[in-house]
Amino acid sequence: MPHINIKCYPKGLSEQELQAFANDLTAFASERLNTPAEYITIAYTEIPAEQWKETVYDSEIKPNQDTLLRKAQYKM
């Protein structure tokens, strides 16, 4: 049962754009992970740029380098 957790700077996407993104991501994950779409959940949280380092980078990215599927190409 995959759970995908997206955190990003605010993007200003409409509900329709967010739904299209979720649909595309669900289809991709379902295919690549060989999992039925109904088992996939997606969280989407927008984090203001001024809070990114403390909220995401320092607590989730930096200490978890060994488990990141794709590592950050930037440092803070």
PDB file of N, CA and C in Angstrom:
ATOM      1  N   MET A   1       0.841  -1.174   0.000  1.00  0.00           N
ATOM      2  CA  MET A   1       0.000   0.000   0.000  1.00  0.00           C
ATOM      3  C   MET A   1       0.885   1.235   0.000  1.00  0.00           C
ATOM      4  N   PRO A   2       1.226   1.733  -1.135  1.00  0.00           N
ATOM      5  CA  PRO A   2       2.073   2.919  -1.187  1.00  0.00           C
ATOM      6  C   PRO A   2       1.357   4.173  -0.691  1.00  0.00           C
ATOM      7  N   HIS A   3       2.105   4.964   0.057  1.00  0.00           N
ATOM      8  CA  HIS A   3       1.651   6.298   0.441  1.00  0.00           C
ATOM      9  C   HIS A   3       2.724   7.262  -0.038  1.00  0.00           C
ATOM     10  N   ILE A   4       2.348   8.214  -0.853  1.00  0.00           N
ATOM     11  CA  ILE A   4       3.273   9.201  -1.405  1.00  0.00           C
ATOM     12  C   ILE A   4       3.024  10.516  -0.690  1.00  0.00           C
ATOM     13  N   ASN A   5       4.093  11.128  -0.194  1.00  0.00           N
ATOM     14  CA  ASN A   5       3.971  12.367   0.565  1.00  0.00           C
ATOM     15  C   ASN A   5       4.718  13.475  -0.169  1.00  0.00           C
ATOM     16  N   ILE A   6       3.980  14.375  -0.788  1.00  0.00           N
ATOM     17  CA  ILE A   6       4.557  15.486  -1.541  1.00  0.00           C
ATOM     18  C   ILE A   6       4.573  16.725  -0.660  1.00  0.00           C
ATOM     19  N   LYS A   7       5.728  17.350  -0.537  1.00  0.00           N
ATOM     20  CA  LYS A   7       5.856  18.640   0.135  1.00  0.00           C
ATOM     21  C   LYS A   7       6.564  19.558  -0.843  1.00  0.00           C
ATOM     22  N   CYS A   8       6.048  20.757  -0.999  1.00  0.00           N
ATOM     23  CA  CYS A   8       6.635  21.680  -1.964  1.00  0.00           C
ATOM     24  C   CYS A   8       6.311  23.116  -1.583  1.00  0.00           C
ATOM     25  N   TYR A   9       7.025  24.035  -2.223  1.00  0.00           N
ATOM     26  CA  TYR A   9       6.666  25.445  -2.090  1.00  0.00           C
ATOM     27  C   TYR A   9       5.264  25.618  -2.663  1.00  0.00           C
ATOM     28  N   PRO A  10       4.538  26.633  -2.234  1.00  0.00           N
ATOM     29  CA  PRO A  10       3.210  26.886  -2.805  1.00  0.00           C
ATOM     30  C   PRO A  10       3.269  27.033  -4.325  1.00  0.00           C
ATOM     31  N   LYS A  11       2.381  26.350  -5.010  1.00  0.00           N
ATOM     32  CA  LYS A  11       2.353  26.340  -6.473  1.00  0.00           C
ATOM     33  C   LYS A  11       1.146  27.060  -7.050  1.00  0.00           C
ATOM     34  N   GLY A  12       0.159  27.347  -6.241  1.00  0.00           N
ATOM     35  CA  GLY A  12      -1.025  28.036  -6.738  1.00  0.00           C
ATOM     36  C   GLY A  12      -1.844  27.221  -7.718  1.00  0.00           C
ATOM     37  N   LEU A  13      -1.821  25.912  -7.581  1.00  0.00           N
ATOM     38  CA  LEU A  13      -2.574  25.048  -8.484  1.00  0.00           C
ATOM     39  C   LEU A  13      -4.058  25.068  -8.128  1.00  0.00           C
ATOM     40  N   SER A  14      -4.876  24.990  -9.136  1.00  0.00           N
ATOM     41  CA  SER A  14      -6.321  24.906  -8.918  1.00  0.00           C
ATOM     42  C   SER A  14      -6.666  23.490  -8.459  1.00  0.00           C
ATOM     43  N   GLU A  15      -7.885  23.315  -7.971  1.00  0.00           N
ATOM     44  CA  GLU A  15      -8.337  21.978  -7.580  1.00  0.00           C
ATOM     45  C   GLU A  15      -8.280  21.022  -8.767  1.00  0.00           C
ATOM     46  N   GLN A  16      -8.616  21.517  -9.935  1.00  0.00           N
ATOM     47  CA  GLN A  16      -8.576  20.692 -11.147  1.00  0.00           C
ATOM     48  C   GLN A  16      -7.136  20.277 -11.470  1.00  0.00           C
ATOM     49  N   GLU A  17      -6.198  21.200 -11.344  1.00  0.00           N
ATOM     50  CA  GLU A  17      -4.789  20.877 -11.604  1.00  0.00           C
ATOM     51  C   GLU A  17      -4.249  19.890 -10.568  1.00  0.00           C
ATOM     52  N   LEU A  18      -4.626  20.078  -9.307  1.00  0.00           N
ATOM     53  CA  LEU A  18      -4.197  19.142  -8.265  1.00  0.00           C
ATOM     54  C   LEU A  18      -4.763  17.747  -8.513  1.00  0.00           C
ATOM     55  N   GLN A  19      -6.014  17.677  -8.928  1.00  0.00           N
ATOM     56  CA  GLN A  19      -6.627  16.375  -9.207  1.00  0.00           C
ATOM     57  C   GLN A  19      -5.951  15.693 -10.396  1.00  0.00           C
ATOM     58  N   ALA A  20      -5.617  16.468 -11.426  1.00  0.00           N
ATOM     59  CA  ALA A  20      -4.913  15.909 -12.581  1.00  0.00           C
ATOM     60  C   ALA A  20      -3.533  15.393 -12.168  1.00  0.00           C
ATOM     61  N   PHE A  21      -2.844  16.142 -11.314  1.00  0.00           N
ATOM     62  CA  PHE A  21      -1.544  15.724 -10.801  1.00  0.00           C
ATOM     63  C   PHE A  21      -1.687  14.417 -10.017  1.00  0.00           C
ATOM     64  N   ALA A  22      -2.679  14.356  -9.137  1.00  0.00           N
ATOM     65  CA  ALA A  22      -2.914  13.146  -8.346  1.00  0.00           C
ATOM     66  C   ALA A  22      -3.246  11.954  -9.239  1.00  0.00           C
ATOM     67  N   ASN A  23      -4.055  12.179 -10.254  1.00  0.00           N
ATOM     68  CA  ASN A  23      -4.409  11.095 -11.175  1.00  0.00           C
ATOM     69  C   ASN A  23      -3.183  10.584 -11.923  1.00  0.00           C
ATOM     70  N   ASP A  24      -2.358  11.509 -12.424  1.00  0.00           N
ATOM     71  CA  ASP A  24      -1.144  11.117 -13.148  1.00  0.00           C
ATOM     72  C   ASP A  24      -0.174  10.370 -12.236  1.00  0.00           C
ATOM     73  N   LEU A  25       0.025  10.892 -11.032  1.00  0.00           N
ATOM     74  CA  LEU A  25       0.942  10.265 -10.089  1.00  0.00           C
ATOM     75  C   LEU A  25       0.433   8.884  -9.670  1.00  0.00           C
ATOM     76  N   THR A  26      -0.855   8.768  -9.469  1.00  0.00           N
ATOM     77  CA  THR A  26      -1.455   7.480  -9.115  1.00  0.00           C
ATOM     78  C   THR A  26      -1.250   6.460 -10.230  1.00  0.00           C
ATOM     79  N   ALA A  27      -1.511   6.858 -11.457  1.00  0.00           N
ATOM     80  CA  ALA A  27      -1.340   5.947 -12.592  1.00  0.00           C
ATOM     81  C   ALA A  27       0.117   5.506 -12.721  1.00  0.00           C
ATOM     82  N   PHE A  28       1.041   6.447 -12.574  1.00  0.00           N
ATOM     83  CA  PHE A  28       2.462   6.130 -12.675  1.00  0.00           C
ATOM     84  C   PHE A  28       2.888   5.166 -11.566  1.00  0.00           C
ATOM     85  N   ALA A  29       2.515   5.476 -10.329  1.00  0.00           N
ATOM     86  CA  ALA A  29       2.891   4.625  -9.199  1.00  0.00           C
ATOM     87  C   ALA A  29       2.253   3.244  -9.324  1.00  0.00           C
ATOM     88  N   SER A  30       1.016   3.198  -9.752  1.00  0.00           N
ATOM     89  CA  SER A  30       0.324   1.925  -9.922  1.00  0.00           C
ATOM     90  C   SER A  30       1.060   1.037 -10.919  1.00  0.00           C
ATOM     91  N   GLU A  31       1.462   1.628 -12.030  1.00  0.00           N
ATOM     92  CA  GLU A  31       2.182   0.873 -13.063  1.00  0.00           C
ATOM     93  C   GLU A  31       3.561   0.442 -12.577  1.00  0.00           C
ATOM     94  N   ARG A  32       4.333   1.366 -12.053  1.00  0.00           N
ATOM     95  CA  ARG A  32       5.713   1.070 -11.672  1.00  0.00           C
ATOM     96  C   ARG A  32       5.832   0.165 -10.456  1.00  0.00           C
ATOM     97  N   LEU A  33       4.888   0.288  -9.531  1.00  0.00           N
ATOM     98  CA  LEU A  33       4.949  -0.514  -8.309  1.00  0.00           C
ATOM     99  C   LEU A  33       4.046  -1.740  -8.363  1.00  0.00           C
ATOM    100  N   ASN A  34       3.395  -1.922  -9.522  1.00  0.00           N
ATOM    101  CA  ASN A  34       2.515  -3.068  -9.720  1.00  0.00           C
ATOM    102  C   ASN A  34       1.502  -3.187  -8.576  1.00  0.00           C
ATOM    103  N   THR A  35       0.819  -2.069  -8.335  1.00  0.00           N
ATOM    104  CA  THR A  35      -0.143  -1.966  -7.242  1.00  0.00           C
ATOM    105  C   THR A  35      -1.444  -1.388  -7.773  1.00  0.00           C
ATOM    106  N   PRO A  36      -2.579  -1.934  -7.394  1.00  0.00           N
ATOM    107  CA  PRO A  36      -3.849  -1.343  -7.827  1.00  0.00           C
ATOM    108  C   PRO A  36      -3.982   0.105  -7.350  1.00  0.00           C
ATOM    109  N   ALA A  37      -4.532   0.946  -8.192  1.00  0.00           N
ATOM    110  CA  ALA A  37      -4.661   2.372  -7.888  1.00  0.00           C
ATOM    111  C   ALA A  37      -5.409   2.623  -6.588  1.00  0.00           C
ATOM    112  N   GLU A  38      -6.378   1.774  -6.277  1.00  0.00           N
ATOM    113  CA  GLU A  38      -7.172   2.019  -5.066  1.00  0.00           C
ATOM    114  C   GLU A  38      -6.370   1.867  -3.777  1.00  0.00           C
ATOM    115  N   TYR A  39      -5.164   1.302  -3.858  1.00  0.00           N
ATOM    116  CA  TYR A  39      -4.318   1.150  -2.675  1.00  0.00           C
ATOM    117  C   TYR A  39      -3.346   2.314  -2.491  1.00  0.00           C
ATOM    118  N   ILE A  40      -3.317   3.240  -3.412  1.00  0.00           N
ATOM    119  CA  ILE A  40      -2.357   4.341  -3.376  1.00  0.00           C
ATOM    120  C   ILE A  40      -3.001   5.575  -2.756  1.00  0.00           C
ATOM    121  N   THR A  41      -2.299   6.156  -1.790  1.00  0.00           N
ATOM    122  CA  THR A  41      -2.738   7.421  -1.205  1.00  0.00           C
ATOM    123  C   THR A  41      -1.647   8.460  -1.425  1.00  0.00           C
ATOM    124  N   ILE A  42      -2.073   9.713  -1.522  1.00  0.00           N
ATOM    125  CA  ILE A  42      -1.139  10.805  -1.780  1.00  0.00           C
ATOM    126  C   ILE A  42      -1.461  11.963  -0.843  1.00  0.00           C
ATOM    127  N   ALA A  43      -0.458  12.414  -0.110  1.00  0.00           N
ATOM    128  CA  ALA A  43      -0.583  13.622   0.709  1.00  0.00           C
ATOM    129  C   ALA A  43       0.103  14.760  -0.044  1.00  0.00           C
ATOM    130  N   TYR A  44      -0.461  15.947   0.046  1.00  0.00           N
ATOM    131  CA  TYR A  44       0.103  17.113  -0.643  1.00  0.00           C
ATOM    132  C   TYR A  44       0.083  18.286   0.330  1.00  0.00           C
ATOM    133  N   THR A  45       1.262  18.778   0.679  1.00  0.00           N
ATOM    134  CA  THR A  45       1.376  19.882   1.626  1.00  0.00           C
ATOM    135  C   THR A  45       2.270  20.962   1.038  1.00  0.00           C
ATOM    136  N   GLU A  46       1.764  22.176   1.010  1.00  0.00           N
ATOM    137  CA  GLU A  46       2.567  23.308   0.555  1.00  0.00           C
ATOM    138  C   GLU A  46       3.232  23.955   1.768  1.00  0.00           C
ATOM    139  N   ILE A  47       4.538  24.129   1.678  1.00  0.00           N
ATOM    140  CA  ILE A  47       5.337  24.710   2.753  1.00  0.00           C
ATOM    141  C   ILE A  47       5.916  26.028   2.244  1.00  0.00           C
ATOM    142  N   PRO A  48       5.674  27.144   2.923  1.00  0.00           N
ATOM    143  CA  PRO A  48       6.253  28.415   2.485  1.00  0.00           C
ATOM    144  C   PRO A  48       7.785  28.336   2.444  1.00  0.00           C
ATOM    145  N   ALA A  49       8.385  29.021   1.490  1.00  0.00           N
ATOM    146  CA  ALA A  49       9.835  28.973   1.284  1.00  0.00           C
ATOM    147  C   ALA A  49      10.611  29.288   2.557  1.00  0.00           C
ATOM    148  N   GLU A  50      10.139  30.252   3.318  1.00  0.00           N
ATOM    149  CA  GLU A  50      10.865  30.654   4.529  1.00  0.00           C
ATOM    150  C   GLU A  50      10.795  29.595   5.636  1.00  0.00           C
ATOM    151  N   GLN A  51       9.934  28.613   5.500  1.00  0.00           N
ATOM    152  CA  GLN A  51       9.829  27.528   6.484  1.00  0.00           C
ATOM    153  C   GLN A  51      10.438  26.214   5.992  1.00  0.00           C
ATOM    154  N   TRP A  52      10.859  26.177   4.731  1.00  0.00           N
ATOM    155  CA  TRP A  52      11.326  24.930   4.124  1.00  0.00           C
ATOM    156  C   TRP A  52      12.506  24.312   4.866  1.00  0.00           C
ATOM    157  N   LYS A  53      13.530  25.106   5.161  1.00  0.00           N
ATOM    158  CA  LYS A  53      14.732  24.565   5.793  1.00  0.00           C
ATOM    159  C   LYS A  53      14.399  23.907   7.125  1.00  0.00           C
ATOM    160  N   GLU A  54      13.699  24.614   7.977  1.00  0.00           N
ATOM    161  CA  GLU A  54      13.386  24.079   9.301  1.00  0.00           C
ATOM    162  C   GLU A  54      12.373  22.936   9.245  1.00  0.00           C
ATOM    163  N   THR A  55      11.338  23.105   8.452  1.00  0.00           N
ATOM    164  CA  THR A  55      10.232  22.149   8.428  1.00  0.00           C
ATOM    165  C   THR A  55      10.535  20.881   7.644  1.00  0.00           C
ATOM    166  N   VAL A  56      11.253  21.013   6.538  1.00  0.00           N
ATOM    167  CA  VAL A  56      11.469  19.856   5.663  1.00  0.00           C
ATOM    168  C   VAL A  56      12.940  19.464   5.560  1.00  0.00           C
ATOM    169  N   TYR A  57      13.796  20.387   5.163  1.00  0.00           N
ATOM    170  CA  TYR A  57      15.187  20.031   4.895  1.00  0.00           C
ATOM    171  C   TYR A  57      15.899  19.491   6.139  1.00  0.00           C
ATOM    172  N   ASP A  58      15.857  20.265   7.232  1.00  0.00           N
ATOM    173  CA  ASP A  58      16.583  19.863   8.443  1.00  0.00           C
ATOM    174  C   ASP A  58      15.988  18.637   9.126  1.00  0.00           C
ATOM    175  N   SER A  59      14.674  18.456   9.029  1.00  0.00           N
ATOM    176  CA  SER A  59      14.045  17.360   9.769  1.00  0.00           C
ATOM    177  C   SER A  59      13.779  16.103   8.942  1.00  0.00           C
ATOM    178  N   GLU A  60      13.666  16.247   7.615  1.00  0.00           N
ATOM    179  CA  GLU A  60      13.324  15.078   6.796  1.00  0.00           C
ATOM    180  C   GLU A  60      14.361  14.724   5.735  1.00  0.00           C
ATOM    181  N   ILE A  61      14.973  15.720   5.136  1.00  0.00           N
ATOM    182  CA  ILE A  61      15.911  15.450   4.043  1.00  0.00           C
ATOM    183  C   ILE A  61      17.315  15.173   4.567  1.00  0.00           C
ATOM    184  N   LYS A  62      17.881  16.115   5.287  1.00  0.00           N
ATOM    185  CA  LYS A  62      19.261  15.998   5.748  1.00  0.00           C
ATOM    186  C   LYS A  62      19.521  14.743   6.588  1.00  0.00           C
ATOM    187  N   PRO A  63      18.677  14.416   7.577  1.00  0.00           N
ATOM    188  CA  PRO A  63      18.981  13.237   8.397  1.00  0.00           C
ATOM    189  C   PRO A  63      18.624  11.893   7.751  1.00  0.00           C
ATOM    190  N   ASN A  64      18.011  11.915   6.594  1.00  0.00           N
ATOM    191  CA  ASN A  64      17.567  10.663   5.965  1.00  0.00           C
ATOM    192  C   ASN A  64      18.209  10.418   4.605  1.00  0.00           C
ATOM    193  N   GLN A  65      19.429  10.866   4.426  1.00  0.00           N
ATOM    194  CA  GLN A  65      20.116  10.717   3.145  1.00  0.00           C
ATOM    195  C   GLN A  65      20.173   9.261   2.686  1.00  0.00           C
ATOM    196  N   ASP A  66      20.306   8.341   3.621  1.00  0.00           N
ATOM    197  CA  ASP A  66      20.455   6.929   3.252  1.00  0.00           C
ATOM    198  C   ASP A  66      19.167   6.295   2.730  1.00  0.00           C
ATOM    199  N   THR A  67      18.011   6.904   2.987  1.00  0.00           N
ATOM    200  CA  THR A  67      16.752   6.320   2.513  1.00  0.00           C
ATOM    201  C   THR A  67      16.085   7.127   1.407  1.00  0.00           C
ATOM    202  N   LEU A  68      16.672   8.247   1.019  1.00  0.00           N
ATOM    203  CA  LEU A  68      16.084   9.042  -0.058  1.00  0.00           C
ATOM    204  C   LEU A  68      16.261   8.320  -1.388  1.00  0.00           C
ATOM    205  N   LEU A  69      15.194   8.148  -2.106  1.00  0.00           N
ATOM    206  CA  LEU A  69      15.257   7.529  -3.425  1.00  0.00           C
ATOM    207  C   LEU A  69      15.962   8.467  -4.402  1.00  0.00           C
ATOM    208  N   ARG A  70      15.725   9.746  -4.254  1.00  0.00           N
ATOM    209  CA  ARG A  70      16.438  10.769  -5.018  1.00  0.00           C
ATOM    210  C   ARG A  70      16.921  11.800  -4.024  1.00  0.00           C
ATOM    211  N   LYS A  71      18.226  11.998  -3.977  1.00  0.00           N
ATOM    212  CA  LYS A  71      18.820  12.911  -3.012  1.00  0.00           C
ATOM    213  C   LYS A  71      18.730  14.357  -3.492  1.00  0.00           C
ATOM    214  N   ALA A  72      18.731  15.268  -2.526  1.00  0.00           N
ATOM    215  CA  ALA A  72      18.677  16.698  -2.836  1.00  0.00           C
ATOM    216  C   ALA A  72      19.897  17.098  -3.655  1.00  0.00           C
ATOM    217  N   GLN A  73      19.680  17.932  -4.631  1.00  0.00           N
ATOM    218  CA  GLN A  73      20.761  18.450  -5.462  1.00  0.00           C
ATOM    219  C   GLN A  73      21.133  19.855  -4.994  1.00  0.00           C
ATOM    220  N   TYR A  74      20.776  20.170  -3.777  1.00  0.00           N
ATOM    221  CA  TYR A  74      21.042  21.478  -3.186  1.00  0.00           C
ATOM    222  C   TYR A  74      21.376  21.278  -1.717  1.00  0.00           C
ATOM    223  N   LYS A  75      21.993  22.291  -1.118  1.00  0.00           N
ATOM    224  CA  LYS A  75      22.284  22.286   0.316  1.00  0.00           C
ATOM    225  C   LYS A  75      21.719  23.562   0.912  1.00  0.00           C
ATOM    226  N   MET A  76      21.389  23.475   2.168  1.00  0.00           N
ATOM    227  CA  MET A  76      20.856  24.650   2.864  1.00  0.00           C
ATOM    228  C   MET A  76      21.670  24.892   4.116  1.00  0.00           C
TER     229      MET A  76
END
